[in-house]
Amino acid sequence: MTERFPALRLLLADDEPGRRAALAALLDLEEGLTVVAEADSAPAALALAAHRRPDVAILALRSPGPGRFSLPACPTVIMTTHARPGDLRRALRAGARAFLPRSVSAADLAGAVRTVHTGRRYLHPDTLAPDTAVLTADELDVLELTATGTPAPLPPDLVRHHLTSATTKLGATHPAAALRQARRHGWI
């Protein structure tokens, strides 16, 4: 029996028309994913997001511009060819929920899209700086939810496990110290 995925409407922004068309075609082949809007710039993506109301936006812009790492109306996936120092941190601070290389397969991109649609974060290992690679996306999510006081949509035992794991990996003495360290590094 094959797994069924919910139907998701996507906005795709890429500043190279050929790559944008190829990526849209590949995403349309993935079960439950439909590209409903395409943009060639961050301003065009913002306008289309307000009008088309996609479930998830994928920004593959070479130069997204200041503060253009996410769209306010929907979860955002950032794709990059060459992440510069600080790009991951700025993207997370701006609200992006996923960060991955452009070289990722369509199936992996589809998985990232589905992950962020459920409210979770997806950080591809190839885009992580050595210090952030220590924590899993789940551990970062639980730290972020703890920081905002939002209950995690996970069983309490799993939340405790992720907090304990993050605390241990960061060499912190307790979850509050791990939280301060994650804030200091800009991960949350």
C-alpha atoms as a PDB file:
ATOM      1  CA  MET A   1       0.000   0.000   0.000  1.00  0.00           C
ATOM      2  CA  THR A   2       1.467   3.366  -0.998  1.00  0.00           C
ATOM      3  CA  GLU A   3       1.498   6.372   1.295  1.00  0.00           C
ATOM      4  CA  ARG A   4      -0.993   9.104   0.388  1.00  0.00           C
ATOM      5  CA  PHE A   5       0.075  12.710   0.691  1.00  0.00           C
ATOM      6  CA  PRO A   6      -2.192  15.743   1.090  1.00  0.00           C
ATOM      7  CA  ALA A   7      -2.557  17.975  -1.971  1.00  0.00           C
ATOM      8  CA  LEU A   8      -0.279  20.988  -1.600  1.00  0.00           C
ATOM      9  CA  ARG A   9      -0.199  24.139  -3.709  1.00  0.00           C
ATOM     10  CA  LEU A  10       3.296  25.505  -4.302  1.00  0.00           C
ATOM     11  CA  LEU A  11       4.760  28.845  -5.270  1.00  0.00           C
ATOM     12  CA  LEU A  12       8.147  28.521  -6.962  1.00  0.00           C
ATOM     13  CA  ALA A  13      10.538  31.459  -7.234  1.00  0.00           C
ATOM     14  CA  ASP A  14      13.776  31.108  -9.191  1.00  0.00           C
ATOM     15  CA  ASP A  15      15.605  33.832 -11.084  1.00  0.00           C
ATOM     16  CA  GLU A  16      16.630  31.472 -13.903  1.00  0.00           C
ATOM     17  CA  PRO A  17      13.647  30.671 -16.191  1.00  0.00           C
ATOM     18  CA  GLY A  18      14.978  27.342 -17.508  1.00  0.00           C
ATOM     19  CA  ARG A  19      15.754  25.976 -14.069  1.00  0.00           C
ATOM     20  CA  ARG A  20      12.422  27.259 -12.736  1.00  0.00           C
ATOM     21  CA  ALA A  21      10.520  25.468 -15.531  1.00  0.00           C
ATOM     22  CA  ALA A  22      12.458  22.223 -15.005  1.00  0.00           C
ATOM     23  CA  LEU A  23      11.916  22.332 -11.243  1.00  0.00           C
ATOM     24  CA  ALA A  24       8.204  23.061 -11.685  1.00  0.00           C
ATOM     25  CA  ALA A  25       7.879  20.092 -14.051  1.00  0.00           C
ATOM     26  CA  LEU A  26       9.674  17.791 -11.595  1.00  0.00           C
ATOM     27  CA  LEU A  27       7.574  18.962  -8.656  1.00  0.00           C
ATOM     28  CA  ASP A  28       4.366  18.466 -10.609  1.00  0.00           C
ATOM     29  CA  LEU A  29       5.363  14.795 -11.019  1.00  0.00           C
ATOM     30  CA  GLU A  30       5.488  14.332  -7.242  1.00  0.00           C
ATOM     31  CA  GLU A  31       2.284  12.985  -5.712  1.00  0.00           C
ATOM     32  CA  GLY A  32       0.097  15.693  -4.190  1.00  0.00           C
ATOM     33  CA  LEU A  33       2.261  18.642  -5.244  1.00  0.00           C
ATOM     34  CA  THR A  34       1.123  21.255  -7.752  1.00  0.00           C
ATOM     35  CA  VAL A  35       3.000  24.408  -8.697  1.00  0.00           C
ATOM     36  CA  VAL A  36       0.284  27.087  -8.849  1.00  0.00           C
ATOM     37  CA  ALA A  37       2.527  30.139  -9.268  1.00  0.00           C
ATOM     38  CA  GLU A  38       6.013  30.932 -10.531  1.00  0.00           C
ATOM     39  CA  ALA A  39       8.052  34.065  -9.903  1.00  0.00           C
ATOM     40  CA  ASP A  40      11.429  35.353 -11.059  1.00  0.00           C
ATOM     41  CA  SER A  41      12.102  37.685  -8.104  1.00  0.00           C
ATOM     42  CA  ALA A  42      11.348  38.160  -4.428  1.00  0.00           C
ATOM     43  CA  PRO A  43       8.889  41.043  -5.023  1.00  0.00           C
ATOM     44  CA  ALA A  44       7.021  38.966  -7.622  1.00  0.00           C
ATOM     45  CA  ALA A  45       6.926  36.025  -5.191  1.00  0.00           C
ATOM     46  CA  LEU A  46       5.453  38.245  -2.457  1.00  0.00           C
ATOM     47  CA  ALA A  47       2.747  39.534  -4.796  1.00  0.00           C
ATOM     48  CA  LEU A  48       1.893  36.057  -6.049  1.00  0.00           C
ATOM     49  CA  ALA A  49       1.793  34.631  -2.523  1.00  0.00           C
ATOM     50  CA  ALA A  50      -0.812  37.205  -1.521  1.00  0.00           C
ATOM     51  CA  HIS A  51      -2.887  36.499  -4.626  1.00  0.00           C
ATOM     52  CA  ARG A  52      -2.526  32.699  -5.107  1.00  0.00           C
ATOM     53  CA  ARG A  53      -2.242  31.695  -1.425  1.00  0.00           C
ATOM     54  CA  PRO A  54       0.087  28.705  -1.809  1.00  0.00           C
ATOM     55  CA  ASP A  55       0.542  26.153   0.965  1.00  0.00           C
ATOM     56  CA  VAL A  56       4.351  26.318   0.682  1.00  0.00           C
ATOM     57  CA  ALA A  57       6.761  28.644  -1.138  1.00  0.00           C
ATOM     58  CA  ILE A  58      10.087  27.503  -2.565  1.00  0.00           C
ATOM     59  CA  LEU A  59      12.587  30.326  -3.018  1.00  0.00           C
ATOM     60  CA  ALA A  60      15.581  29.425  -5.168  1.00  0.00           C
ATOM     61  CA  LEU A  61      16.723  32.971  -5.756  1.00  0.00           C
ATOM     62  CA  ARG A  62      20.417  33.689  -6.138  1.00  0.00           C
ATOM     63  CA  SER A  63      20.051  37.073  -4.443  1.00  0.00           C
ATOM     64  CA  PRO A  64      16.800  37.156  -2.484  1.00  0.00           C
ATOM     65  CA  GLY A  65      17.538  40.606  -1.093  1.00  0.00           C
ATOM     66  CA  PRO A  66      17.470  41.840   2.492  1.00  0.00           C
ATOM     67  CA  GLY A  67      14.826  40.122   4.577  1.00  0.00           C
ATOM     68  CA  ARG A  68      13.547  38.116   1.619  1.00  0.00           C
ATOM     69  CA  PHE A  69      14.260  34.678   3.013  1.00  0.00           C
ATOM     70  CA  SER A  70      10.610  33.922   3.693  1.00  0.00           C
ATOM     71  CA  LEU A  71       7.081  34.854   2.761  1.00  0.00           C
ATOM     72  CA  PRO A  72       4.702  35.850   5.534  1.00  0.00           C
ATOM     73  CA  ALA A  73       1.705  33.986   4.120  1.00  0.00           C
ATOM     74  CA  CYS A  74       3.125  30.448   4.039  1.00  0.00           C
ATOM     75  CA  PRO A  75       6.009  28.211   5.117  1.00  0.00           C
ATOM     76  CA  THR A  76       9.103  28.863   3.027  1.00  0.00           C
ATOM     77  CA  VAL A  77      11.748  26.502   1.662  1.00  0.00           C
ATOM     78  CA  ILE A  78      15.068  28.099   0.680  1.00  0.00           C
ATOM     79  CA  MET A  79      17.213  26.459  -1.996  1.00  0.00           C
ATOM     80  CA  THR A  80      20.765  27.654  -2.509  1.00  0.00           C
ATOM     81  CA  THR A  81      23.733  26.833  -4.708  1.00  0.00           C
ATOM     82  CA  HIS A  82      26.405  28.370  -2.519  1.00  0.00           C
ATOM     83  CA  ALA A  83      25.399  29.293   0.994  1.00  0.00           C
ATOM     84  CA  ARG A  84      27.454  32.191   2.261  1.00  0.00           C
ATOM     85  CA  PRO A  85      28.379  32.405   5.930  1.00  0.00           C
ATOM     86  CA  GLY A  86      25.351  33.558   7.858  1.00  0.00           C
ATOM     87  CA  ASP A  87      22.767  32.704   5.167  1.00  0.00           C
ATOM     88  CA  LEU A  88      21.281  29.852   7.195  1.00  0.00           C
ATOM     89  CA  ARG A  89      21.089  31.999  10.318  1.00  0.00           C
ATOM     90  CA  ARG A  90      19.486  34.919   8.434  1.00  0.00           C
ATOM     91  CA  ALA A  91      17.029  32.578   6.715  1.00  0.00           C
ATOM     92  CA  LEU A  92      15.930  31.015  10.015  1.00  0.00           C
ATOM     93  CA  ARG A  93      15.617  34.413  11.697  1.00  0.00           C
ATOM     94  CA  ALA A  94      13.515  35.653   8.792  1.00  0.00           C
ATOM     95  CA  GLY A  95      11.140  32.711   9.179  1.00  0.00           C
ATOM     96  CA  ALA A  96      12.305  30.172   6.582  1.00  0.00           C
ATOM     97  CA  ARG A  97      11.392  26.628   7.608  1.00  0.00           C
ATOM     98  CA  ALA A  98      13.749  24.699   5.300  1.00  0.00           C
ATOM     99  CA  PHE A  99      17.204  25.252   3.864  1.00  0.00           C
ATOM    100  CA  LEU A 100      18.700  22.914   1.266  1.00  0.00           C
ATOM    101  CA  PRO A 101      21.024  22.823  -1.744  1.00  0.00           C
ATOM    102  CA  ARG A 102      19.674  23.236  -5.284  1.00  0.00           C
ATOM    103  CA  SER A 103      21.289  19.895  -6.125  1.00  0.00           C
ATOM    104  CA  VAL A 104      18.806  18.004  -3.931  1.00  0.00           C
ATOM    105  CA  SER A 105      16.595  15.443  -5.681  1.00  0.00           C
ATOM    106  CA  ALA A 106      12.938  16.181  -6.449  1.00  0.00           C
ATOM    107  CA  ALA A 107      11.935  13.488  -3.943  1.00  0.00           C
ATOM    108  CA  ASP A 108      14.018  15.111  -1.183  1.00  0.00           C
ATOM    109  CA  LEU A 109      12.614  18.549  -2.052  1.00  0.00           C
ATOM    110  CA  ALA A 110       9.095  17.086  -1.926  1.00  0.00           C
ATOM    111  CA  GLY A 111       9.918  15.643   1.508  1.00  0.00           C
ATOM    112  CA  ALA A 112      11.128  19.044   2.711  1.00  0.00           C
ATOM    113  CA  VAL A 113       7.940  20.684   1.384  1.00  0.00           C
ATOM    114  CA  ARG A 114       5.769  18.151   3.208  1.00  0.00           C
ATOM    115  CA  THR A 115       7.823  18.561   6.390  1.00  0.00           C
ATOM    116  CA  VAL A 116       7.482  22.354   6.529  1.00  0.00           C
ATOM    117  CA  HIS A 117       3.788  22.136   5.701  1.00  0.00           C
ATOM    118  CA  THR A 118       3.300  20.189   8.947  1.00  0.00           C
ATOM    119  CA  GLY A 119       4.971  23.038  10.857  1.00  0.00           C
ATOM    120  CA  ARG A 120       8.343  21.352  11.274  1.00  0.00           C
ATOM    121  CA  ARG A 121      11.757  22.498  10.094  1.00  0.00           C
ATOM    122  CA  TYR A 122      13.958  20.796   7.487  1.00  0.00           C
ATOM    123  CA  LEU A 123      17.687  21.538   7.378  1.00  0.00           C
ATOM    124  CA  HIS A 124      19.669  19.597   4.801  1.00  0.00           C
ATOM    125  CA  PRO A 125      23.058  18.454   6.188  1.00  0.00           C
ATOM    126  CA  ASP A 126      24.917  19.820   3.145  1.00  0.00           C
ATOM    127  CA  THR A 127      23.851  23.388   3.987  1.00  0.00           C
ATOM    128  CA  LEU A 128      24.632  23.334   7.698  1.00  0.00           C
ATOM    129  CA  ALA A 129      27.582  25.070   9.235  1.00  0.00           C
ATOM    130  CA  PRO A 130      29.623  22.744  11.459  1.00  0.00           C
ATOM    131  CA  ASP A 131      28.194  24.246  14.656  1.00  0.00           C
ATOM    132  CA  THR A 132      24.526  23.878  13.607  1.00  0.00           C
ATOM    133  CA  ALA A 133      25.029  20.359  12.247  1.00  0.00           C
ATOM    134  CA  VAL A 134      25.215  19.222  15.847  1.00  0.00           C
ATOM    135  CA  LEU A 135      21.443  19.516  16.297  1.00  0.00           C
ATOM    136  CA  THR A 136      18.715  17.754  14.345  1.00  0.00           C
ATOM    137  CA  ALA A 137      15.805  19.667  12.834  1.00  0.00           C
ATOM    138  CA  ASP A 138      13.519  18.129  15.505  1.00  0.00           C
ATOM    139  CA  GLU A 139      15.807  19.345  18.292  1.00  0.00           C
ATOM    140  CA  LEU A 140      15.864  22.855  16.807  1.00  0.00           C
ATOM    141  CA  ASP A 141      12.059  22.787  16.462  1.00  0.00           C
ATOM    142  CA  VAL A 142      11.577  21.798  20.103  1.00  0.00           C
ATOM    143  CA  LEU A 143      14.026  24.486  21.258  1.00  0.00           C
ATOM    144  CA  GLU A 144      12.209  27.084  19.150  1.00  0.00           C
ATOM    145  CA  LEU A 145       8.801  26.037  20.470  1.00  0.00           C
ATOM    146  CA  THR A 146      10.134  26.082  24.020  1.00  0.00           C
ATOM    147  CA  ALA A 147      11.486  29.601  23.453  1.00  0.00           C
ATOM    148  CA  THR A 148       8.089  30.865  22.298  1.00  0.00           C
ATOM    149  CA  GLY A 149       6.110  28.929  24.910  1.00  0.00           C
ATOM    150  CA  THR A 150       4.207  27.092  22.187  1.00  0.00           C
ATOM    151  CA  PRO A 151       3.320  23.482  22.997  1.00  0.00           C
ATOM    152  CA  ALA A 152       5.116  21.049  20.697  1.00  0.00           C
ATOM    153  CA  PRO A 153       2.801  18.810  18.622  1.00  0.00           C
ATOM    154  CA  LEU A 154       4.701  15.792  19.974  1.00  0.00           C
ATOM    155  CA  PRO A 155       4.244  13.445  22.910  1.00  0.00           C
ATOM    156  CA  PRO A 156       5.755  14.910  26.106  1.00  0.00           C
ATOM    157  CA  ASP A 157       8.319  12.085  26.339  1.00  0.00           C
ATOM    158  CA  LEU A 158       9.603  12.911  22.852  1.00  0.00           C
ATOM    159  CA  VAL A 159       9.789  16.626  23.684  1.00  0.00           C
ATOM    160  CA  ARG A 160      11.841  15.811  26.798  1.00  0.00           C
ATOM    161  CA  HIS A 161      14.066  13.518  24.736  1.00  0.00           C
ATOM    162  CA  HIS A 162      14.765  16.258  22.144  1.00  0.00           C
ATOM    163  CA  LEU A 163      15.421  18.861  24.862  1.00  0.00           C
ATOM    164  CA  THR A 164      17.767  16.523  26.715  1.00  0.00           C
ATOM    165  CA  SER A 165      19.543  15.571  23.507  1.00  0.00           C
ATOM    166  CA  ALA A 166      19.978  19.226  22.430  1.00  0.00           C
ATOM    167  CA  THR A 167      21.201  20.169  25.901  1.00  0.00           C
ATOM    168  CA  THR A 168      23.757  17.347  25.893  1.00  0.00           C
ATOM    169  CA  LYS A 169      24.962  18.027  22.344  1.00  0.00           C
ATOM    170  CA  LEU A 170      25.466  21.712  23.090  1.00  0.00           C
ATOM    171  CA  GLY A 171      27.350  20.951  26.287  1.00  0.00           C
ATOM    172  CA  ALA A 172      24.790  22.938  28.269  1.00  0.00           C
ATOM    173  CA  THR A 173      23.960  22.161  31.883  1.00  0.00           C
ATOM    174  CA  HIS A 174      20.179  22.470  31.459  1.00  0.00           C
ATOM    175  CA  PRO A 175      17.599  23.207  28.728  1.00  0.00           C
ATOM    176  CA  ALA A 176      17.499  26.938  29.533  1.00  0.00           C
ATOM    177  CA  ALA A 177      21.252  27.167  28.863  1.00  0.00           C
ATOM    178  CA  ALA A 178      20.795  25.250  25.598  1.00  0.00           C
ATOM    179  CA  LEU A 179      18.044  27.689  24.675  1.00  0.00           C
ATOM    180  CA  ARG A 180      20.308  30.694  25.370  1.00  0.00           C
ATOM    181  CA  GLN A 181      23.069  29.135  23.277  1.00  0.00           C
ATOM    182  CA  ALA A 182      20.684  28.462  20.369  1.00  0.00           C
ATOM    183  CA  ARG A 183      19.517  32.098  20.530  1.00  0.00           C
ATOM    184  CA  ARG A 184      23.087  33.390  20.671  1.00  0.00           C
ATOM    185  CA  HIS A 185      23.924  31.433  17.494  1.00  0.00           C
ATOM    186  CA  GLY A 186      20.771  32.699  15.780  1.00  0.00           C
ATOM    187  CA  TRP A 187      19.239  29.250  15.317  1.00  0.00           C
ATOM    188  CA  ILE A 188      15.989  30.368  16.958  1.00  0.00           C
END
